[in-house]
PDB file of N, CA and C in Angstrom:
ATOM      1  N   MET A   1       3.264   2.584  46.692  1.00  0.00           N
ATOM      2  CA  MET A   1       2.563   1.445  46.985  1.00  0.00           C
ATOM      3  C   MET A   1       3.201   0.759  47.846  1.00  0.00           C
ATOM      4  N   ASN A   2       2.661   0.159  48.972  1.00  0.00           N
ATOM      5  CA  ASN A   2       3.994  -0.646  49.670  1.00  0.00           C
ATOM      6  C   ASN A   2       3.653  -2.222  49.219  1.00  0.00           C
ATOM      7  N   GLY A   3       4.578  -3.022  49.717  1.00  0.00           N
ATOM      8  CA  GLY A   3       4.666  -4.559  49.388  1.00  0.00           C
ATOM      9  C   GLY A   3       3.007  -5.288  49.691  1.00  0.00           C
ATOM     10  N   LEU A   4       2.924  -4.898  50.737  1.00  0.00           N
ATOM     11  CA  LEU A   4       1.707  -5.609  51.562  1.00  0.00           C
ATOM     12  C   LEU A   4       0.433  -5.290  50.624  1.00  0.00           C
ATOM     13  N   ASN A   5       0.310  -4.373  50.192  1.00  0.00           N
ATOM     14  CA  ASN A   5      -0.647  -3.895  48.949  1.00  0.00           C
ATOM     15  C   ASN A   5      -0.514  -4.604  48.063  1.00  0.00           C
ATOM     16  N   LEU A   6       0.559  -4.867  47.224  1.00  0.00           N
ATOM     17  CA  LEU A   6       0.646  -5.212  45.815  1.00  0.00           C
ATOM     18  C   LEU A   6       0.518  -6.732  45.988  1.00  0.00           C
ATOM     19  N   ILE A   7       0.992  -7.354  47.371  1.00  0.00           N
ATOM     20  CA  ILE A   7       0.433  -8.471  47.312  1.00  0.00           C
ATOM     21  C   ILE A   7      -1.088  -8.750  47.316  1.00  0.00           C
ATOM     22  N   ASN A   8      -1.593  -7.996  48.067  1.00  0.00           N
ATOM     23  CA  ASN A   8      -2.880  -8.312  48.333  1.00  0.00           C
ATOM     24  C   ASN A   8      -3.949  -8.185  47.211  1.00  0.00           C
ATOM     25  N   ILE A   9      -3.288  -7.140  46.155  1.00  0.00           N
ATOM     26  CA  ILE A   9      -3.953  -7.375  44.741  1.00  0.00           C
ATOM     27  C   ILE A   9      -3.502  -8.087  43.955  1.00  0.00           C
ATOM     28  N   ALA A  10      -2.385  -8.882  44.007  1.00  0.00           N
ATOM     29  CA  ALA A  10      -1.790  -9.721  43.443  1.00  0.00           C
ATOM     30  C   ALA A  10      -2.884 -11.051  43.769  1.00  0.00           C
ATOM     31  N   LEU A  11      -3.361 -11.452  45.257  1.00  0.00           N
ATOM     32  CA  LEU A  11      -3.876 -12.450  45.324  1.00  0.00           C
ATOM     33  C   LEU A  11      -5.454 -12.435  44.987  1.00  0.00           C
ATOM     34  N   LEU A  12      -5.840 -11.095  45.330  1.00  0.00           N
ATOM     35  CA  LEU A  12      -7.085 -10.836  44.584  1.00  0.00           C
ATOM     36  C   LEU A  12      -7.317 -11.359  43.550  1.00  0.00           C
ATOM     37  N   TYR A  13      -6.513 -10.589  42.576  1.00  0.00           N
ATOM     38  CA  TYR A  13      -6.404 -10.997  41.157  1.00  0.00           C
ATOM     39  C   TYR A  13      -6.185 -12.393  40.668  1.00  0.00           C
ATOM     40  N   PHE A  14      -5.547 -13.078  41.608  1.00  0.00           N
ATOM     41  CA  PHE A  14      -5.536 -14.557  41.524  1.00  0.00           C
ATOM     42  C   PHE A  14      -6.678 -15.516  41.534  1.00  0.00           C
ATOM     43  N   GLN A  15      -7.429 -14.869  42.799  1.00  0.00           N
ATOM     44  CA  GLN A  15      -8.545 -15.349  43.535  1.00  0.00           C
ATOM     45  C   GLN A  15      -9.708 -14.962  42.489  1.00  0.00           C
ATOM     46  N   MET A  16      -9.823 -14.077  41.635  1.00  0.00           N
ATOM     47  CA  MET A  16     -10.934 -13.785  40.907  1.00  0.00           C
ATOM     48  C   MET A  16     -10.670 -14.390  39.217  1.00  0.00           C
ATOM     49  N   ASN A  17      -9.461 -15.010  39.178  1.00  0.00           N
ATOM     50  CA  ASN A  17      -9.222 -15.784  38.114  1.00  0.00           C
ATOM     51  C   ASN A  17      -9.650 -17.306  38.109  1.00  0.00           C
ATOM     52  N   MET A  18      -9.601 -17.677  39.337  1.00  0.00           N
ATOM     53  CA  MET A  18      -9.551 -19.111  39.692  1.00  0.00           C
ATOM     54  C   MET A  18     -10.883 -19.491  39.428  1.00  0.00           C
ATOM     55  N   GLY A  19     -11.602 -20.344  38.505  1.00  0.00           N
ATOM     56  CA  GLY A  19     -12.996 -20.974  38.163  1.00  0.00           C
ATOM     57  C   GLY A  19     -14.034 -19.596  37.511  1.00  0.00           C
ATOM     58  N   THR A  20     -13.209 -18.800  36.541  1.00  0.00           N
ATOM     59  CA  THR A  20     -14.094 -17.761  35.849  1.00  0.00           C
ATOM     60  C   THR A  20     -14.218 -18.187  34.803  1.00  0.00           C
ATOM     61  N   SER A  21     -15.023 -17.654  33.859  1.00  0.00           N
ATOM     62  CA  SER A  21     -15.251 -18.007  32.614  1.00  0.00           C
ATOM     63  C   SER A  21     -14.151 -17.563  31.789  1.00  0.00           C
ATOM     64  N   LYS A  22     -14.163 -17.841  30.473  1.00  0.00           N
ATOM     65  CA  LYS A  22     -13.078 -17.092  29.523  1.00  0.00           C
ATOM     66  C   LYS A  22     -13.499 -15.725  29.553  1.00  0.00           C
ATOM     67  N   ASP A  23     -14.909 -15.279  29.230  1.00  0.00           N
ATOM     68  CA  ASP A  23     -15.094 -14.090  29.041  1.00  0.00           C
ATOM     69  C   ASP A  23     -14.892 -13.244  30.393  1.00  0.00           C
ATOM     70  N   ALA A  24     -15.248 -13.490  31.530  1.00  0.00           N
ATOM     71  CA  ALA A  24     -14.882 -12.963  32.749  1.00  0.00           C
ATOM     72  C   ALA A  24     -13.460 -12.395  32.618  1.00  0.00           C
ATOM     73  N   LYS A  25     -12.669 -13.716  32.555  1.00  0.00           N
ATOM     74  CA  LYS A  25     -11.187 -13.366  32.432  1.00  0.00           C
ATOM     75  C   LYS A  25     -10.333 -12.402  31.338  1.00  0.00           C
ATOM     76  N   LEU A  26     -11.366 -12.604  30.225  1.00  0.00           N
ATOM     77  CA  LEU A  26     -11.006 -11.001  29.373  1.00  0.00           C
ATOM     78  C   LEU A  26     -11.177 -10.181  29.927  1.00  0.00           C
ATOM     79  N   VAL A  27     -12.427  -9.826  30.467  1.00  0.00           N
ATOM     80  CA  VAL A  27     -12.569  -8.470  31.336  1.00  0.00           C
ATOM     81  C   VAL A  27     -11.860  -8.498  32.213  1.00  0.00           C
ATOM     82  N   LEU A  28     -11.323  -9.230  33.110  1.00  0.00           N
ATOM     83  CA  LEU A  28     -10.310  -8.952  34.185  1.00  0.00           C
ATOM     84  C   LEU A  28      -8.752  -8.121  33.295  1.00  0.00           C
ATOM     85  N   ALA A  29      -8.548  -8.845  32.488  1.00  0.00           N
ATOM     86  CA  ALA A  29      -7.451  -8.700  31.467  1.00  0.00           C
ATOM     87  C   ALA A  29      -7.501  -6.992  31.042  1.00  0.00           C
ATOM     88  N   GLU A  30      -8.466  -6.968  30.505  1.00  0.00           N
ATOM     89  CA  GLU A  30      -9.011  -5.476  29.776  1.00  0.00           C
ATOM     90  C   GLU A  30      -8.918  -4.506  30.911  1.00  0.00           C
ATOM     91  N   GLY A  31      -9.432  -5.062  31.921  1.00  0.00           N
ATOM     92  CA  GLY A  31      -9.421  -4.113  33.121  1.00  0.00           C
ATOM     93  C   GLY A  31      -7.941  -3.173  33.686  1.00  0.00           C
ATOM     94  N   MET A  32      -6.942  -4.561  33.724  1.00  0.00           N
ATOM     95  CA  MET A  32      -5.829  -4.339  34.263  1.00  0.00           C
ATOM     96  C   MET A  32      -4.956  -3.531  33.074  1.00  0.00           C
ATOM     97  N   ASP A  33      -5.467  -3.583  32.032  1.00  0.00           N
ATOM     98  CA  ASP A  33      -4.803  -2.804  30.999  1.00  0.00           C
ATOM     99  C   ASP A  33      -5.261  -1.198  30.759  1.00  0.00           C
ATOM    100  N   VAL A  34      -6.813  -1.077  31.387  1.00  0.00           N
ATOM    101  CA  VAL A  34      -7.015   0.203  31.530  1.00  0.00           C
ATOM    102  C   VAL A  34      -6.325   0.960  32.725  1.00  0.00           C
ATOM    103  N   MET A  35      -5.707   0.093  33.878  1.00  0.00           N
ATOM    104  CA  MET A  35      -5.356   0.812  35.068  1.00  0.00           C
ATOM    105  C   MET A  35      -3.883   0.816  34.628  1.00  0.00           C
ATOM    106  N   ASN A  36      -3.482  -0.044  34.004  1.00  0.00           N
ATOM    107  CA  ASN A  36      -1.504   0.131  33.396  1.00  0.00           C
ATOM    108  C   ASN A  36      -1.723   1.499  32.820  1.00  0.00           C
ATOM    109  N   SER A  37      -2.463   1.615  31.876  1.00  0.00           N
ATOM    110  CA  SER A  37      -2.546   2.601  30.925  1.00  0.00           C
ATOM    111  C   SER A  37      -2.700   3.873  31.590  1.00  0.00           C
ATOM    112  N   LEU A  38      -4.068   3.968  32.546  1.00  0.00           N
ATOM    113  CA  LEU A  38      -3.985   5.377  33.196  1.00  0.00           C
ATOM    114  C   LEU A  38      -2.475   5.129  33.938  1.00  0.00           C
ATOM    115  N   VAL A  39      -1.863   4.486  34.826  1.00  0.00           N
ATOM    116  CA  VAL A  39      -1.031   4.537  35.544  1.00  0.00           C
ATOM    117  C   VAL A  39      -0.040   5.379  34.957  1.00  0.00           C
ATOM    118  N   ALA A  40       0.360   4.423  33.747  1.00  0.00           N
ATOM    119  CA  ALA A  40       1.354   5.149  32.701  1.00  0.00           C
ATOM    120  C   ALA A  40       1.129   6.468  32.188  1.00  0.00           C
ATOM    121  N   ALA A  41       0.305   7.007  32.139  1.00  0.00           N
ATOM    122  CA  ALA A  41       0.024   8.381  31.377  1.00  0.00           C
ATOM    123  C   ALA A  41      -0.214   9.409  32.766  1.00  0.00           C
ATOM    124  N   THR A  42      -0.469   8.930  33.779  1.00  0.00           N
ATOM    125  CA  THR A  42      -0.738  10.006  35.052  1.00  0.00           C
ATOM    126  C   THR A  42       0.682   9.966  35.909  1.00  0.00           C
ATOM    127  N   LYS A  43       1.787   9.168  35.282  1.00  0.00           N
ATOM    128  CA  LYS A  43       2.695   9.031  36.296  1.00  0.00           C
ATOM    129  C   LYS A  43       3.801  10.406  36.412  1.00  0.00           C
ATOM    130  N   ASP A  44       3.489  11.492  35.171  1.00  0.00           N
ATOM    131  CA  ASP A  44       4.705  12.580  35.482  1.00  0.00           C
ATOM    132  C   ASP A  44       3.317  13.669  35.605  1.00  0.00           C
ATOM    133  N   LYS A  45       2.366  13.353  36.117  1.00  0.00           N
ATOM    134  CA  LYS A  45       1.121  14.308  36.453  1.00  0.00           C
ATOM    135  C   LYS A  45       0.430  15.264  35.279  1.00  0.00           C
ATOM    136  N   LYS A  46       0.969  14.738  34.176  1.00  0.00           N
ATOM    137  CA  LYS A  46       0.443  15.384  32.760  1.00  0.00           C
ATOM    138  C   LYS A  46       0.078  14.427  31.760  1.00  0.00           C
ATOM    139  N   ILE A  47      -1.109  14.385  31.408  1.00  0.00           N
ATOM    140  CA  ILE A  47      -1.924  13.693  30.514  1.00  0.00           C
ATOM    141  C   ILE A  47      -1.381  14.191  28.899  1.00  0.00           C
ATOM    142  N   THR A  48      -0.891  13.434  28.048  1.00  0.00           N
ATOM    143  CA  THR A  48      -0.517  13.837  26.832  1.00  0.00           C
ATOM    144  C   THR A  48      -1.611  13.464  25.729  1.00  0.00           C
ATOM    145  N   ASN A  49      -1.968  13.953  24.489  1.00  0.00           N
ATOM    146  CA  ASN A  49      -2.792  13.532  23.892  1.00  0.00           C
ATOM    147  C   ASN A  49      -2.595  12.458  23.378  1.00  0.00           C
ATOM    148  N   ALA A  50      -1.599  11.681  23.051  1.00  0.00           N
ATOM    149  CA  ALA A  50      -1.381  10.391  22.851  1.00  0.00           C
ATOM    150  C   ALA A  50      -1.504   8.958  23.719  1.00  0.00           C
ATOM    151  N   GLU A  51      -1.424   9.659  25.138  1.00  0.00           N
ATOM    152  CA  GLU A  51      -1.467   9.077  26.242  1.00  0.00           C
ATOM    153  C   GLU A  51      -3.478   9.030  26.517  1.00  0.00           C
ATOM    154  N   LYS A  52      -4.177   9.887  26.371  1.00  0.00           N
ATOM    155  CA  LYS A  52      -5.187   9.957  26.383  1.00  0.00           C
ATOM    156  C   LYS A  52      -6.138   9.146  25.107  1.00  0.00           C
ATOM    157  N   LYS A  53      -5.361   9.165  24.038  1.00  0.00           N
ATOM    158  CA  LYS A  53      -5.856   8.039  23.138  1.00  0.00           C
ATOM    159  C   LYS A  53      -6.044   6.741  23.163  1.00  0.00           C
ATOM    160  N   ALA A  54      -4.548   6.565  23.912  1.00  0.00           N
ATOM    161  CA  ALA A  54      -4.324   5.178  24.502  1.00  0.00           C
ATOM    162  C   ALA A  54      -5.131   4.896  25.420  1.00  0.00           C
ATOM    163  N   LEU A  55      -5.541   5.420  26.471  1.00  0.00           N
ATOM    164  CA  LEU A  55      -6.140   5.032  27.503  1.00  0.00           C
ATOM    165  C   LEU A  55      -7.858   4.923  27.202  1.00  0.00           C
ATOM    166  N   ALA A  56      -8.296   5.996  26.133  1.00  0.00           N
ATOM    167  CA  ALA A  56      -9.916   5.888  25.595  1.00  0.00           C
ATOM    168  C   ALA A  56      -9.915   4.568  24.665  1.00  0.00           C
ATOM    169  N   LYS A  57      -8.737   3.815  24.077  1.00  0.00           N
ATOM    170  CA  LYS A  57      -8.648   2.690  23.359  1.00  0.00           C
ATOM    171  C   LYS A  57      -8.625   1.716  24.441  1.00  0.00           C
ATOM    172  N   GLU A  58      -8.117   1.802  25.310  1.00  0.00           N
ATOM    173  CA  GLU A  58      -8.170   0.720  26.453  1.00  0.00           C
ATOM    174  C   GLU A  58      -9.695   0.696  26.934  1.00  0.00           C
ATOM    175  N   LEU A  59      -9.833   2.011  27.160  1.00  0.00           N
ATOM    176  CA  LEU A  59     -11.532   2.004  27.780  1.00  0.00           C
ATOM    177  C   LEU A  59     -12.478   1.390  26.823  1.00  0.00           C
ATOM    178  N   ARG A  60     -12.194   1.400  25.657  1.00  0.00           N
ATOM    179  CA  ARG A  60     -13.317   0.851  24.502  1.00  0.00           C
ATOM    180  C   ARG A  60     -13.094  -0.439  24.394  1.00  0.00           C
ATOM    181  N   GLN A  61     -11.813  -1.154  24.277  1.00  0.00           N
ATOM    182  CA  GLN A  61     -11.895  -2.541  24.584  1.00  0.00           C
ATOM    183  C   GLN A  61     -12.265  -3.264  26.033  1.00  0.00           C
ATOM    184  N   PHE A  62     -12.020  -2.542  27.343  1.00  0.00           N
ATOM    185  CA  PHE A  62     -12.733  -3.029  28.362  1.00  0.00           C
ATOM    186  C   PHE A  62     -14.076  -2.754  28.023  1.00  0.00           C
ATOM    187  N   SER A  63     -14.782  -2.059  27.615  1.00  0.00           N
ATOM    188  CA  SER A  63     -16.507  -2.004  27.792  1.00  0.00           C
ATOM    189  C   SER A  63     -16.831  -2.654  26.663  1.00  0.00           C
ATOM    190  N   LYS A  64     -16.148  -3.276  25.355  1.00  0.00           N
ATOM    191  CA  LYS A  64     -16.563  -4.105  24.613  1.00  0.00           C
ATOM    192  C   LYS A  64     -16.712  -5.828  25.458  1.00  0.00           C
ATOM    193  N   ALA A  65     -15.454  -5.944  25.835  1.00  0.00           N
ATOM    194  CA  ALA A  65     -15.487  -7.421  26.410  1.00  0.00           C
ATOM    195  C   ALA A  65     -16.387  -7.403  27.543  1.00  0.00           C
ATOM    196  N   ALA A  66     -16.793  -6.443  28.242  1.00  0.00           N
ATOM    197  CA  ALA A  66     -17.516  -6.397  29.419  1.00  0.00           C
ATOM    198  C   ALA A  66     -18.977  -6.774  28.748  1.00  0.00           C
ATOM    199  N   ILE A  67     -19.427  -5.666  27.922  1.00  0.00           N
ATOM    200  CA  ILE A  67     -20.578  -6.071  27.561  1.00  0.00           C
ATOM    201  C   ILE A  67     -21.072  -7.448  26.630  1.00  0.00           C
ATOM    202  N   ASP A  68     -19.856  -7.886  26.030  1.00  0.00           N
ATOM    203  CA  ASP A  68     -19.847  -9.504  25.444  1.00  0.00           C
ATOM    204  C   ASP A  68     -20.061 -10.143  26.590  1.00  0.00           C
ATOM    205  N   MET A  69     -19.702 -10.106  27.385  1.00  0.00           N
ATOM    206  CA  MET A  69     -19.428 -11.008  28.923  1.00  0.00           C
ATOM    207  C   MET A  69     -21.065 -10.739  29.120  1.00  0.00           C
ATOM    208  N   LEU A  70     -21.450 -10.066  29.599  1.00  0.00           N
ATOM    209  CA  LEU A  70     -22.972  -9.560  29.711  1.00  0.00           C
ATOM    210  C   LEU A  70     -24.100 -10.472  28.688  1.00  0.00           C
ATOM    211  N   ASP A  71     -23.489  -9.901  27.819  1.00  0.00           N
ATOM    212  CA  ASP A  71     -24.565 -11.005  26.536  1.00  0.00           C
ATOM    213  C   ASP A  71     -24.785 -12.166  26.371  1.00  0.00           C
ATOM    214  N   ASN A  72     -23.477 -12.783  26.782  1.00  0.00           N
ATOM    215  CA  ASN A  72     -23.304 -14.023  26.878  1.00  0.00           C
ATOM    216  C   ASN A  72     -23.856 -14.914  28.113  1.00  0.00           C
ATOM    217  N   ILE A  73     -24.161 -13.939  29.394  1.00  0.00           N
ATOM    218  CA  ILE A  73     -25.006 -14.761  30.267  1.00  0.00           C
ATOM    219  C   ILE A  73     -26.624 -15.249  29.655  1.00  0.00           C
ATOM    220  N   ASN A  74     -26.740 -16.255  30.181  1.00  0.00           N
ATOM    221  CA  ASN A  74     -28.167 -17.087  29.752  1.00  0.00           C
ATOM    222  C   ASN A  74     -29.065 -17.240  31.265  1.00  0.00           C
ATOM    223  N   LEU A  75     -29.976 -16.705  31.042  1.00  0.00           N
ATOM    224  CA  LEU A  75     -30.849 -16.202  32.380  1.00  0.00           C
ATOM    225  C   LEU A  75     -31.872 -17.317  32.447  1.00  0.00           C
ATOM    226  N   PRO A  76     -31.977 -18.267  33.540  1.00  0.00           N
ATOM    227  CA  PRO A  76     -32.896 -19.516  33.483  1.00  0.00           C
ATOM    228  C   PRO A  76     -34.328 -18.652  33.062  1.00  0.00           C
ATOM    229  N   ASP A  77     -35.222 -19.273  32.852  1.00  0.00           N
ATOM    230  CA  ASP A  77     -36.679 -19.050  32.553  1.00  0.00           C
ATOM    231  C   ASP A  77     -37.476 -19.175  33.471  1.00  0.00           C
TER     232      ASP A  77
END
């Protein structure tokens, strides 16, 4: 990944965090954890059982945060 792509990702992450709710920030943080776990697991082009379990745990945490965020949305009548 080149430097410009990294800067664009950082700016996008910053913009997404501005003015968002606590639930949305948690979903973004969990999503970043999933991506970091995936990158770490695939760095050597092999996924071990421990890496698979760690990735599954991160995905469960992301899923729970996303579901909680959606459950907390109040729709007008």
